[in-house]
Amino acid sequence: MYAVLVPKVEGRPPDEAEVVERARRGDVAAYEELVQRYTEMAFRTAYLVTGSAPDAEEAAQDAFVKAYRAMPRFRAGSAFRPWLLRIVGNEARNRRRGAGRRAALELRLAEGLRRGGAAPSPEAEAEAAEERRALLRALNGMAEEDRTVIGCRYLLQLSVEETSAALAVPEGTVKSRLARALRRLRESMELVHG
């Protein structure tokens, strides 16, 4: 008879499904691990909806509390991130509606851009900075629905499924809104450069 040895991998973070299942069974430490993994994503998603850092922070915190209370009802085997982002999106929309204001969305494109290769010339740097400012002005001038769908897909780099969950709309709606929003953004940028 041969013994089968399965090597243990020390220091390997547990896979998400394992952590979610432990959290579903009431393991507070497992839920804390999920909170740590998704705090930044939850905040950024809430910020896209509210346009306010303090409101986004509160919406994300409230969403984590609601998600914790709902964990026993979370369907085993389902993806956690879209489920959580749906809760975050709902909380952020509730906070925005409750506040009764429509804040302008401030997007920081420069933070999301990665530089590679040689350092750009000062002229290229200035031109790129002006292009980012023009894009930011164009985005801020768009309807909230357009800014939000573009922000989720391209600035937060959420998948269509995750964007759907965050905005609480069907995936087909995300795709059609995104196509229309990008067309309007392109037209707006052509007017600037035209």
N, C-alpha and C. Protein backbone atom coordinates (compact mmCIF):
# COMPACT_ATOMS: atom_id res chain seq x y z
N MET A 1 0.85 -1.18 0.00
CA MET A 1 0.00 0.00 0.00
C MET A 1 0.89 1.23 0.00
N TYR A 2 0.53 2.17 -0.86
CA TYR A 2 1.29 3.40 -0.97
C TYR A 2 0.55 4.55 -0.32
N ALA A 3 1.28 5.36 0.38
CA ALA A 3 0.68 6.55 0.98
C ALA A 3 0.82 7.71 0.00
N VAL A 4 -0.24 8.43 -0.17
CA VAL A 4 -0.22 9.59 -1.06
C VAL A 4 0.07 10.82 -0.21
N LEU A 5 1.12 11.49 -0.54
CA LEU A 5 1.49 12.69 0.20
C LEU A 5 1.07 13.91 -0.62
N VAL A 6 0.31 14.75 -0.01
CA VAL A 6 -0.11 15.99 -0.65
C VAL A 6 0.69 17.11 0.01
N PRO A 7 1.55 17.76 -0.76
CA PRO A 7 2.36 18.80 -0.14
C PRO A 7 1.50 19.98 0.29
N LYS A 8 1.83 20.51 1.43
CA LYS A 8 1.16 21.71 1.94
C LYS A 8 1.94 22.91 1.44
N VAL A 9 1.25 23.88 0.97
CA VAL A 9 1.89 25.10 0.50
C VAL A 9 1.78 26.13 1.62
N GLU A 10 2.91 26.40 2.22
CA GLU A 10 2.92 27.35 3.33
C GLU A 10 2.82 28.77 2.79
N GLY A 11 2.09 29.59 3.47
CA GLY A 11 2.00 30.99 3.13
C GLY A 11 1.08 31.29 1.94
N ARG A 12 0.49 30.28 1.36
CA ARG A 12 -0.41 30.49 0.23
C ARG A 12 -1.72 31.05 0.76
N PRO A 13 -2.18 32.17 0.19
CA PRO A 13 -3.46 32.69 0.67
C PRO A 13 -4.58 31.74 0.26
N PRO A 14 -5.55 31.56 1.13
CA PRO A 14 -6.66 30.66 0.80
C PRO A 14 -7.43 31.19 -0.40
N ASP A 15 -7.96 30.29 -1.18
CA ASP A 15 -8.71 30.70 -2.37
C ASP A 15 -10.02 31.34 -1.92
N GLU A 16 -10.54 32.25 -2.75
CA GLU A 16 -11.69 33.05 -2.36
C GLU A 16 -12.90 32.20 -1.98
N ALA A 17 -13.17 31.15 -2.75
CA ALA A 17 -14.34 30.32 -2.47
C ALA A 17 -14.25 29.72 -1.06
N GLU A 18 -13.05 29.35 -0.67
CA GLU A 18 -12.83 28.78 0.66
C GLU A 18 -13.10 29.83 1.75
N VAL A 19 -12.60 31.05 1.53
CA VAL A 19 -12.80 32.13 2.51
C VAL A 19 -14.28 32.50 2.59
N VAL A 20 -14.94 32.57 1.44
CA VAL A 20 -16.37 32.91 1.41
C VAL A 20 -17.18 31.84 2.15
N GLU A 21 -16.85 30.59 1.92
CA GLU A 21 -17.59 29.50 2.59
C GLU A 21 -17.40 29.58 4.11
N ARG A 22 -16.18 29.87 4.55
CA ARG A 22 -15.95 30.01 6.00
C ARG A 22 -16.76 31.19 6.54
N ALA A 23 -16.80 32.30 5.79
CA ALA A 23 -17.56 33.47 6.22
C ALA A 23 -19.05 33.15 6.27
N ARG A 24 -19.53 32.38 5.29
CA ARG A 24 -20.94 31.97 5.28
C ARG A 24 -21.30 31.18 6.53
N ARG A 25 -20.34 30.43 7.03
CA ARG A 25 -20.58 29.62 8.23
C ARG A 25 -20.35 30.40 9.52
N GLY A 26 -20.11 31.72 9.39
CA GLY A 26 -20.01 32.56 10.59
C GLY A 26 -18.60 32.87 11.05
N ASP A 27 -17.59 32.51 10.30
CA ASP A 27 -16.19 32.78 10.67
C ASP A 27 -15.90 34.27 10.45
N VAL A 28 -15.82 35.02 11.55
CA VAL A 28 -15.62 36.47 11.48
C VAL A 28 -14.26 36.80 10.86
N ALA A 29 -13.24 36.03 11.20
CA ALA A 29 -11.91 36.29 10.63
C ALA A 29 -11.92 36.13 9.11
N ALA A 30 -12.67 35.18 8.61
CA ALA A 30 -12.79 34.98 7.16
C ALA A 30 -13.47 36.18 6.52
N TYR A 31 -14.52 36.68 7.17
CA TYR A 31 -15.20 37.86 6.61
C TYR A 31 -14.28 39.08 6.64
N GLU A 32 -13.50 39.22 7.71
CA GLU A 32 -12.54 40.33 7.78
C GLU A 32 -11.55 40.26 6.63
N GLU A 33 -11.15 39.04 6.26
CA GLU A 33 -10.24 38.87 5.13
C GLU A 33 -10.91 39.35 3.83
N LEU A 34 -12.17 39.04 3.66
CA LEU A 34 -12.91 39.51 2.48
C LEU A 34 -13.00 41.04 2.47
N VAL A 35 -13.25 41.62 3.63
CA VAL A 35 -13.32 43.08 3.74
C VAL A 35 -11.98 43.69 3.31
N GLN A 36 -10.89 43.11 3.81
CA GLN A 36 -9.57 43.63 3.44
C GLN A 36 -9.34 43.52 1.94
N ARG A 37 -9.75 42.41 1.34
CA ARG A 37 -9.54 42.21 -0.10
C ARG A 37 -10.32 43.20 -0.94
N TYR A 38 -11.52 43.60 -0.49
CA TYR A 38 -12.42 44.37 -1.34
C TYR A 38 -12.71 45.79 -0.88
N THR A 39 -12.06 46.26 0.17
CA THR A 39 -12.33 47.62 0.66
C THR A 39 -12.07 48.67 -0.40
N GLU A 40 -10.93 48.60 -1.05
CA GLU A 40 -10.59 49.62 -2.04
C GLU A 40 -11.57 49.58 -3.22
N MET A 41 -11.87 48.39 -3.71
CA MET A 41 -12.81 48.24 -4.83
C MET A 41 -14.20 48.76 -4.44
N ALA A 42 -14.63 48.46 -3.22
CA ALA A 42 -15.95 48.92 -2.75
C ALA A 42 -15.98 50.44 -2.68
N PHE A 43 -14.91 51.03 -2.15
CA PHE A 43 -14.85 52.49 -2.05
C PHE A 43 -14.89 53.13 -3.43
N ARG A 44 -14.07 52.62 -4.36
CA ARG A 44 -14.01 53.21 -5.69
C ARG A 44 -15.35 53.08 -6.41
N THR A 45 -16.01 51.95 -6.23
CA THR A 45 -17.33 51.76 -6.85
C THR A 45 -18.33 52.74 -6.27
N ALA A 46 -18.34 52.87 -4.95
CA ALA A 46 -19.26 53.80 -4.30
C ALA A 46 -18.95 55.25 -4.70
N TYR A 47 -17.68 55.55 -4.86
CA TYR A 47 -17.29 56.91 -5.26
C TYR A 47 -17.80 57.25 -6.65
N LEU A 48 -17.76 56.27 -7.55
CA LEU A 48 -18.28 56.52 -8.90
C LEU A 48 -19.76 56.88 -8.87
N VAL A 49 -20.48 56.29 -7.94
CA VAL A 49 -21.92 56.54 -7.85
C VAL A 49 -22.22 57.84 -7.09
N THR A 50 -21.52 58.07 -5.98
CA THR A 50 -21.83 59.23 -5.14
C THR A 50 -21.10 60.50 -5.55
N GLY A 51 -19.88 60.37 -6.06
CA GLY A 51 -19.08 61.54 -6.40
C GLY A 51 -18.50 62.23 -5.19
N SER A 52 -18.59 61.60 -4.03
CA SER A 52 -18.12 62.21 -2.79
C SER A 52 -17.36 61.17 -1.98
N ALA A 53 -16.14 61.50 -1.59
CA ALA A 53 -15.32 60.56 -0.82
C ALA A 53 -15.97 60.20 0.53
N PRO A 54 -16.46 61.18 1.31
CA PRO A 54 -17.09 60.81 2.58
C PRO A 54 -18.33 59.93 2.39
N ASP A 55 -19.15 60.26 1.40
CA ASP A 55 -20.35 59.45 1.13
C ASP A 55 -19.96 58.06 0.66
N ALA A 56 -18.93 57.98 -0.17
CA ALA A 56 -18.48 56.68 -0.68
C ALA A 56 -17.96 55.81 0.46
N GLU A 57 -17.22 56.42 1.38
CA GLU A 57 -16.68 55.67 2.52
C GLU A 57 -17.82 55.12 3.38
N GLU A 58 -18.80 55.95 3.65
CA GLU A 58 -19.94 55.50 4.47
C GLU A 58 -20.76 54.44 3.74
N ALA A 59 -20.96 54.63 2.44
CA ALA A 59 -21.72 53.63 1.66
C ALA A 59 -20.99 52.30 1.65
N ALA A 60 -19.68 52.32 1.48
CA ALA A 60 -18.90 51.08 1.46
C ALA A 60 -18.98 50.39 2.83
N GLN A 61 -18.84 51.16 3.90
CA GLN A 61 -18.93 50.58 5.24
C GLN A 61 -20.31 49.98 5.49
N ASP A 62 -21.35 50.71 5.13
CA ASP A 62 -22.72 50.20 5.30
C ASP A 62 -22.93 48.93 4.47
N ALA A 63 -22.37 48.92 3.26
CA ALA A 63 -22.50 47.75 2.39
C ALA A 63 -21.82 46.53 3.01
N PHE A 64 -20.66 46.72 3.61
CA PHE A 64 -19.98 45.59 4.24
C PHE A 64 -20.78 45.05 5.42
N VAL A 65 -21.42 45.94 6.18
CA VAL A 65 -22.26 45.49 7.30
C VAL A 65 -23.46 44.70 6.76
N LYS A 66 -24.11 45.23 5.73
CA LYS A 66 -25.26 44.53 5.14
C LYS A 66 -24.85 43.19 4.55
N ALA A 67 -23.71 43.18 3.88
CA ALA A 67 -23.23 41.92 3.28
C ALA A 67 -22.93 40.90 4.37
N TYR A 68 -22.36 41.35 5.48
CA TYR A 68 -22.06 40.43 6.58
C TYR A 68 -23.35 39.80 7.11
N ARG A 69 -24.37 40.63 7.28
CA ARG A 69 -25.65 40.11 7.79
C ARG A 69 -26.30 39.16 6.79
N ALA A 70 -26.03 39.37 5.50
CA ALA A 70 -26.64 38.54 4.45
C ALA A 70 -25.80 37.31 4.11
N MET A 71 -24.60 37.18 4.66
CA MET A 71 -23.71 36.06 4.31
C MET A 71 -24.37 34.69 4.44
N PRO A 72 -25.16 34.42 5.47
CA PRO A 72 -25.78 33.09 5.56
C PRO A 72 -26.70 32.79 4.37
N ARG A 73 -27.20 33.83 3.71
CA ARG A 73 -28.09 33.63 2.56
C ARG A 73 -27.33 33.65 1.23
N PHE A 74 -26.03 33.93 1.26
CA PHE A 74 -25.23 33.95 0.05
C PHE A 74 -25.19 32.55 -0.54
N ARG A 75 -25.45 32.45 -1.86
CA ARG A 75 -25.48 31.14 -2.52
C ARG A 75 -24.09 30.56 -2.65
N ALA A 76 -23.88 29.39 -2.10
CA ALA A 76 -22.58 28.72 -2.19
C ALA A 76 -22.22 28.52 -3.66
N GLY A 77 -20.97 28.77 -3.98
CA GLY A 77 -20.49 28.59 -5.34
C GLY A 77 -20.67 29.82 -6.22
N SER A 78 -21.39 30.83 -5.75
CA SER A 78 -21.57 32.05 -6.53
C SER A 78 -20.33 32.92 -6.40
N ALA A 79 -20.17 33.84 -7.33
CA ALA A 79 -19.05 34.77 -7.27
C ALA A 79 -19.35 35.84 -6.22
N PHE A 80 -18.41 36.05 -5.33
CA PHE A 80 -18.61 36.98 -4.22
C PHE A 80 -18.52 38.44 -4.68
N ARG A 81 -17.53 38.77 -5.50
CA ARG A 81 -17.29 40.16 -5.86
C ARG A 81 -18.50 40.83 -6.52
N PRO A 82 -19.13 40.24 -7.55
CA PRO A 82 -20.30 40.90 -8.12
C PRO A 82 -21.44 41.07 -7.11
N TRP A 83 -21.61 40.08 -6.24
CA TRP A 83 -22.65 40.15 -5.22
C TRP A 83 -22.38 41.32 -4.28
N LEU A 84 -21.13 41.44 -3.83
CA LEU A 84 -20.77 42.54 -2.94
C LEU A 84 -20.92 43.88 -3.64
N LEU A 85 -20.47 43.97 -4.89
CA LEU A 85 -20.55 45.24 -5.61
C LEU A 85 -22.00 45.65 -5.87
N ARG A 86 -22.90 44.71 -6.00
CA ARG A 86 -24.32 45.04 -6.14
C ARG A 86 -24.80 45.73 -4.86
N ILE A 87 -24.41 45.19 -3.70
CA ILE A 87 -24.79 45.78 -2.41
C ILE A 87 -24.17 47.18 -2.28
N VAL A 88 -22.89 47.30 -2.64
CA VAL A 88 -22.20 48.59 -2.57
C VAL A 88 -22.91 49.61 -3.47
N GLY A 89 -23.22 49.19 -4.70
CA GLY A 89 -23.90 50.10 -5.63
C GLY A 89 -25.25 50.56 -5.10
N ASN A 90 -26.01 49.64 -4.52
CA ASN A 90 -27.31 50.00 -3.94
C ASN A 90 -27.15 50.98 -2.79
N GLU A 91 -26.19 50.72 -1.92
CA GLU A 91 -25.95 51.62 -0.78
C GLU A 91 -25.53 53.00 -1.27
N ALA A 92 -24.67 53.04 -2.27
CA ALA A 92 -24.20 54.32 -2.79
C ALA A 92 -25.36 55.10 -3.43
N ARG A 93 -26.19 54.41 -4.19
CA ARG A 93 -27.35 55.09 -4.81
C ARG A 93 -28.31 55.60 -3.74
N ASN A 94 -28.53 54.79 -2.70
CA ASN A 94 -29.40 55.23 -1.60
C ASN A 94 -28.83 56.47 -0.92
N ARG A 95 -27.53 56.48 -0.71
CA ARG A 95 -26.88 57.62 -0.05
C ARG A 95 -26.99 58.87 -0.93
N ARG A 96 -26.77 58.70 -2.22
CA ARG A 96 -26.85 59.84 -3.15
C ARG A 96 -28.27 60.39 -3.19
N ARG A 97 -29.26 59.49 -3.28
CA ARG A 97 -30.66 59.94 -3.30
C ARG A 97 -31.02 60.61 -1.99
N GLY A 98 -30.59 60.02 -0.88
CA GLY A 98 -30.90 60.57 0.44
C GLY A 98 -30.30 61.95 0.64
N ALA A 99 -29.13 62.18 0.09
CA ALA A 99 -28.47 63.47 0.24
C ALA A 99 -29.13 64.52 -0.65
N GLY A 100 -29.79 64.07 -1.71
CA GLY A 100 -30.51 64.98 -2.58
C GLY A 100 -29.61 65.86 -3.41
N ARG A 101 -28.39 65.42 -3.63
CA ARG A 101 -27.50 66.22 -4.47
C ARG A 101 -26.92 65.38 -5.59
N ARG A 102 -26.57 66.06 -6.60
CA ARG A 102 -25.95 65.39 -7.74
C ARG A 102 -24.55 65.97 -7.89
N ALA A 103 -23.58 65.31 -7.25
CA ALA A 103 -22.21 65.82 -7.26
C ALA A 103 -21.52 65.50 -8.58
N ALA A 104 -20.65 66.38 -8.99
CA ALA A 104 -19.85 66.12 -10.20
C ALA A 104 -18.84 65.03 -9.88
N LEU A 105 -18.66 64.16 -10.82
CA LEU A 105 -17.73 63.05 -10.62
C LEU A 105 -16.33 63.50 -11.00
N GLU A 106 -15.39 63.36 -10.04
CA GLU A 106 -14.01 63.72 -10.32
C GLU A 106 -13.22 62.45 -10.55
N LEU A 107 -12.77 62.27 -11.78
CA LEU A 107 -12.02 61.07 -12.14
C LEU A 107 -10.55 61.42 -12.22
N ARG A 108 -9.73 60.60 -11.67
CA ARG A 108 -8.29 60.84 -11.71
C ARG A 108 -7.66 59.87 -12.70
N LEU A 109 -7.61 60.29 -13.93
CA LEU A 109 -7.09 59.43 -14.99
C LEU A 109 -5.59 59.21 -14.84
N ALA A 110 -4.90 60.22 -14.38
CA ALA A 110 -3.45 60.12 -14.31
C ALA A 110 -3.01 58.97 -13.39
N GLU A 111 -3.76 58.73 -12.31
CA GLU A 111 -3.41 57.66 -11.38
C GLU A 111 -3.53 56.29 -12.03
N GLY A 112 -4.47 56.18 -12.97
CA GLY A 112 -4.70 54.89 -13.61
C GLY A 112 -3.79 54.60 -14.77
N LEU A 113 -3.07 55.60 -15.23
CA LEU A 113 -2.20 55.40 -16.38
C LEU A 113 -0.85 54.86 -15.93
N ARG A 114 -0.38 53.88 -16.63
CA ARG A 114 0.95 53.33 -16.32
C ARG A 114 1.91 53.80 -17.38
N ARG A 115 3.05 54.17 -16.91
CA ARG A 115 4.08 54.61 -17.84
C ARG A 115 5.05 53.47 -18.09
N GLY A 116 5.56 53.43 -19.27
CA GLY A 116 6.54 52.40 -19.59
C GLY A 116 7.58 52.97 -20.53
N GLY A 117 8.71 52.33 -20.62
CA GLY A 117 9.75 52.75 -21.55
C GLY A 117 10.47 53.99 -21.06
N ALA A 118 10.99 54.73 -22.02
CA ALA A 118 11.78 55.92 -21.72
C ALA A 118 10.88 57.04 -21.21
N ALA A 119 11.49 57.95 -20.47
CA ALA A 119 10.75 59.11 -19.96
C ALA A 119 10.32 59.97 -21.13
N PRO A 120 9.07 60.46 -21.12
CA PRO A 120 8.61 61.29 -22.23
C PRO A 120 9.27 62.67 -22.19
N SER A 121 9.31 63.29 -23.33
CA SER A 121 9.87 64.64 -23.40
C SER A 121 8.93 65.59 -22.67
N PRO A 122 9.43 66.75 -22.26
CA PRO A 122 8.56 67.73 -21.60
C PRO A 122 7.37 68.12 -22.48
N GLU A 123 7.59 68.22 -23.79
CA GLU A 123 6.50 68.57 -24.70
C GLU A 123 5.44 67.47 -24.72
N ALA A 124 5.89 66.23 -24.80
CA ALA A 124 4.96 65.09 -24.82
C ALA A 124 4.21 65.00 -23.50
N GLU A 125 4.91 65.26 -22.42
CA GLU A 125 4.29 65.24 -21.09
C GLU A 125 3.20 66.31 -20.99
N ALA A 126 3.50 67.51 -21.46
CA ALA A 126 2.53 68.62 -21.43
C ALA A 126 1.33 68.30 -22.32
N GLU A 127 1.61 67.73 -23.49
CA GLU A 127 0.52 67.37 -24.41
C GLU A 127 -0.38 66.28 -23.80
N ALA A 128 0.23 65.28 -23.16
CA ALA A 128 -0.54 64.21 -22.52
C ALA A 128 -1.37 64.76 -21.37
N ALA A 129 -0.79 65.68 -20.59
CA ALA A 129 -1.52 66.28 -19.47
C ALA A 129 -2.72 67.07 -19.99
N GLU A 130 -2.55 67.80 -21.08
CA GLU A 130 -3.66 68.57 -21.65
C GLU A 130 -4.73 67.62 -22.19
N GLU A 131 -4.32 66.52 -22.79
CA GLU A 131 -5.26 65.53 -23.31
C GLU A 131 -6.08 64.93 -22.16
N ARG A 132 -5.42 64.62 -21.04
CA ARG A 132 -6.13 64.09 -19.86
C ARG A 132 -7.12 65.11 -19.32
N ARG A 133 -6.70 66.40 -19.27
CA ARG A 133 -7.61 67.44 -18.79
C ARG A 133 -8.82 67.57 -19.72
N ALA A 134 -8.59 67.50 -21.02
CA ALA A 134 -9.70 67.60 -21.99
C ALA A 134 -10.64 66.40 -21.82
N LEU A 135 -10.07 65.21 -21.64
CA LEU A 135 -10.89 64.02 -21.45
C LEU A 135 -11.69 64.13 -20.15
N LEU A 136 -11.05 64.61 -19.09
CA LEU A 136 -11.74 64.79 -17.80
C LEU A 136 -12.88 65.79 -17.93
N ARG A 137 -12.64 66.90 -18.63
CA ARG A 137 -13.71 67.89 -18.84
C ARG A 137 -14.86 67.26 -19.63
N ALA A 138 -14.52 66.51 -20.65
CA ALA A 138 -15.55 65.87 -21.47
C ALA A 138 -16.35 64.86 -20.63
N LEU A 139 -15.66 64.06 -19.83
CA LEU A 139 -16.35 63.09 -18.96
C LEU A 139 -17.24 63.79 -17.95
N ASN A 140 -16.73 64.83 -17.32
CA ASN A 140 -17.51 65.55 -16.32
C ASN A 140 -18.71 66.25 -16.93
N GLY A 141 -18.64 66.55 -18.21
CA GLY A 141 -19.76 67.20 -18.89
C GLY A 141 -20.84 66.22 -19.35
N MET A 142 -20.58 64.94 -19.20
CA MET A 142 -21.52 63.91 -19.66
C MET A 142 -22.59 63.66 -18.60
N ALA A 143 -23.65 63.02 -19.01
CA ALA A 143 -24.71 62.62 -18.08
C ALA A 143 -24.14 61.62 -17.08
N GLU A 144 -24.71 61.62 -15.90
CA GLU A 144 -24.23 60.74 -14.82
C GLU A 144 -24.19 59.27 -15.24
N GLU A 145 -25.21 58.82 -15.94
CA GLU A 145 -25.28 57.42 -16.38
C GLU A 145 -24.08 57.07 -17.26
N ASP A 146 -23.70 57.99 -18.15
CA ASP A 146 -22.56 57.77 -19.04
C ASP A 146 -21.25 57.76 -18.26
N ARG A 147 -21.07 58.74 -17.36
CA ARG A 147 -19.83 58.81 -16.56
C ARG A 147 -19.65 57.54 -15.74
N THR A 148 -20.74 57.08 -15.16
CA THR A 148 -20.66 55.94 -14.26
C THR A 148 -20.30 54.66 -15.01
N VAL A 149 -20.93 54.41 -16.15
CA VAL A 149 -20.64 53.17 -16.87
C VAL A 149 -19.22 53.19 -17.43
N ILE A 150 -18.76 54.34 -17.93
CA ILE A 150 -17.39 54.45 -18.42
C ILE A 150 -16.40 54.28 -17.26
N GLY A 151 -16.71 54.91 -16.14
CA GLY A 151 -15.84 54.80 -14.96
C GLY A 151 -15.70 53.38 -14.46
N CYS A 152 -16.82 52.66 -14.38
CA CYS A 152 -16.77 51.27 -13.91
C CYS A 152 -15.93 50.39 -14.83
N ARG A 153 -16.19 50.50 -16.14
CA ARG A 153 -15.52 49.61 -17.10
C ARG A 153 -14.06 49.97 -17.31
N TYR A 154 -13.74 51.26 -17.44
CA TYR A 154 -12.40 51.62 -17.87
C TYR A 154 -11.50 52.17 -16.77
N LEU A 155 -12.07 52.84 -15.78
CA LEU A 155 -11.22 53.36 -14.71
C LEU A 155 -11.07 52.35 -13.58
N LEU A 156 -12.16 51.70 -13.23
CA LEU A 156 -12.07 50.64 -12.21
C LEU A 156 -11.72 49.29 -12.83
N GLN A 157 -11.83 49.19 -14.13
CA GLN A 157 -11.53 47.98 -14.89
C GLN A 157 -12.38 46.80 -14.42
N LEU A 158 -13.66 47.06 -14.17
CA LEU A 158 -14.59 46.00 -13.82
C LEU A 158 -15.02 45.29 -15.09
N SER A 159 -15.32 44.00 -14.97
CA SER A 159 -15.84 43.27 -16.11
C SER A 159 -17.28 43.74 -16.37
N VAL A 160 -17.85 43.30 -17.49
CA VAL A 160 -19.25 43.63 -17.77
C VAL A 160 -20.14 43.08 -16.67
N GLU A 161 -19.87 41.85 -16.23
CA GLU A 161 -20.66 41.24 -15.15
C GLU A 161 -20.58 42.05 -13.86
N GLU A 162 -19.37 42.48 -13.51
CA GLU A 162 -19.19 43.26 -12.28
C GLU A 162 -19.81 44.64 -12.40
N THR A 163 -19.70 45.25 -13.57
CA THR A 163 -20.34 46.55 -13.80
C THR A 163 -21.85 46.40 -13.68
N SER A 164 -22.37 45.31 -14.24
CA SER A 164 -23.80 45.02 -14.14
C SER A 164 -24.23 44.93 -12.68
N ALA A 165 -23.45 44.22 -11.89
CA ALA A 165 -23.77 44.08 -10.47
C ALA A 165 -23.68 45.41 -9.74
N ALA A 166 -22.62 46.18 -10.01
CA ALA A 166 -22.43 47.45 -9.32
C ALA A 166 -23.53 48.46 -9.65
N LEU A 167 -24.00 48.43 -10.90
CA LEU A 167 -25.02 49.40 -11.32
C LEU A 167 -26.43 48.85 -11.21
N ALA A 168 -26.55 47.57 -10.87
CA ALA A 168 -27.85 46.90 -10.71
C ALA A 168 -28.68 46.98 -12.00
N VAL A 169 -28.02 46.71 -13.12
CA VAL A 169 -28.70 46.64 -14.41
C VAL A 169 -28.23 45.37 -15.13
N PRO A 170 -29.01 44.87 -16.07
CA PRO A 170 -28.60 43.67 -16.81
C PRO A 170 -27.32 43.92 -17.62
N GLU A 171 -26.58 42.85 -17.90
CA GLU A 171 -25.33 42.96 -18.66
C GLU A 171 -25.57 43.58 -20.03
N GLY A 172 -26.67 43.23 -20.69
CA GLY A 172 -26.97 43.82 -22.00
C GLY A 172 -27.14 45.33 -21.91
N THR A 173 -27.72 45.79 -20.81
CA THR A 173 -27.88 47.23 -20.61
C THR A 173 -26.53 47.90 -20.44
N VAL A 174 -25.62 47.24 -19.70
CA VAL A 174 -24.26 47.78 -19.54
C VAL A 174 -23.62 47.95 -20.91
N LYS A 175 -23.72 46.91 -21.75
CA LYS A 175 -23.08 46.96 -23.07
C LYS A 175 -23.67 48.07 -23.94
N SER A 176 -24.99 48.21 -23.94
CA SER A 176 -25.60 49.24 -24.79
C SER A 176 -25.31 50.64 -24.23
N ARG A 177 -25.38 50.80 -22.91
CA ARG A 177 -25.07 52.12 -22.32
C ARG A 177 -23.62 52.50 -22.61
N LEU A 178 -22.74 51.51 -22.49
CA LEU A 178 -21.32 51.77 -22.71
C LEU A 178 -21.07 52.18 -24.16
N ALA A 179 -21.68 51.49 -25.10
CA ALA A 179 -21.50 51.83 -26.52
C ALA A 179 -21.97 53.26 -26.79
N ARG A 180 -23.15 53.61 -26.26
CA ARG A 180 -23.68 54.96 -26.47
C ARG A 180 -22.80 56.01 -25.77
N ALA A 181 -22.37 55.71 -24.55
CA ALA A 181 -21.54 56.66 -23.79
C ALA A 181 -20.20 56.89 -24.48
N LEU A 182 -19.58 55.83 -24.98
CA LEU A 182 -18.30 55.99 -25.67
C LEU A 182 -18.46 56.76 -26.97
N ARG A 183 -19.57 56.54 -27.69
CA ARG A 183 -19.82 57.30 -28.91
C ARG A 183 -19.96 58.79 -28.57
N ARG A 184 -20.72 59.10 -27.51
CA ARG A 184 -20.90 60.51 -27.11
C ARG A 184 -19.57 61.13 -26.66
N LEU A 185 -18.76 60.33 -25.94
CA LEU A 185 -17.46 60.84 -25.49
C LEU A 185 -16.56 61.12 -26.69
N ARG A 186 -16.54 60.20 -27.65
CA ARG A 186 -15.75 60.38 -28.87
C ARG A 186 -16.18 61.66 -29.60
N GLU A 187 -17.49 61.83 -29.75
CA GLU A 187 -18.02 63.03 -30.43
C GLU A 187 -17.62 64.29 -29.69
N SER A 188 -17.69 64.25 -28.37
CA SER A 188 -17.33 65.40 -27.55
C SER A 188 -15.84 65.73 -27.72
N MET A 189 -15.00 64.70 -27.75
CA MET A 189 -13.56 64.91 -27.91
C MET A 189 -13.24 65.42 -29.32
N GLU A 190 -14.00 64.97 -30.33
CA GLU A 190 -13.78 65.46 -31.69
C GLU A 190 -14.12 66.94 -31.80
N LEU A 191 -15.14 67.38 -31.07
CA LEU A 191 -15.49 68.80 -31.07
C LEU A 191 -14.36 69.64 -30.48
N VAL A 192 -13.73 69.10 -29.42
CA VAL A 192 -12.62 69.79 -28.75
C VAL A 192 -11.44 69.91 -29.71
N HIS A 193 -11.15 68.81 -30.42
CA HIS A 193 -9.98 68.78 -31.29
C HIS A 193 -10.28 69.23 -32.71
N GLY A 194 -11.61 69.30 -33.02
CA GLY A 194 -12.04 69.55 -34.38
C GLY A 194 -11.64 70.86 -34.92
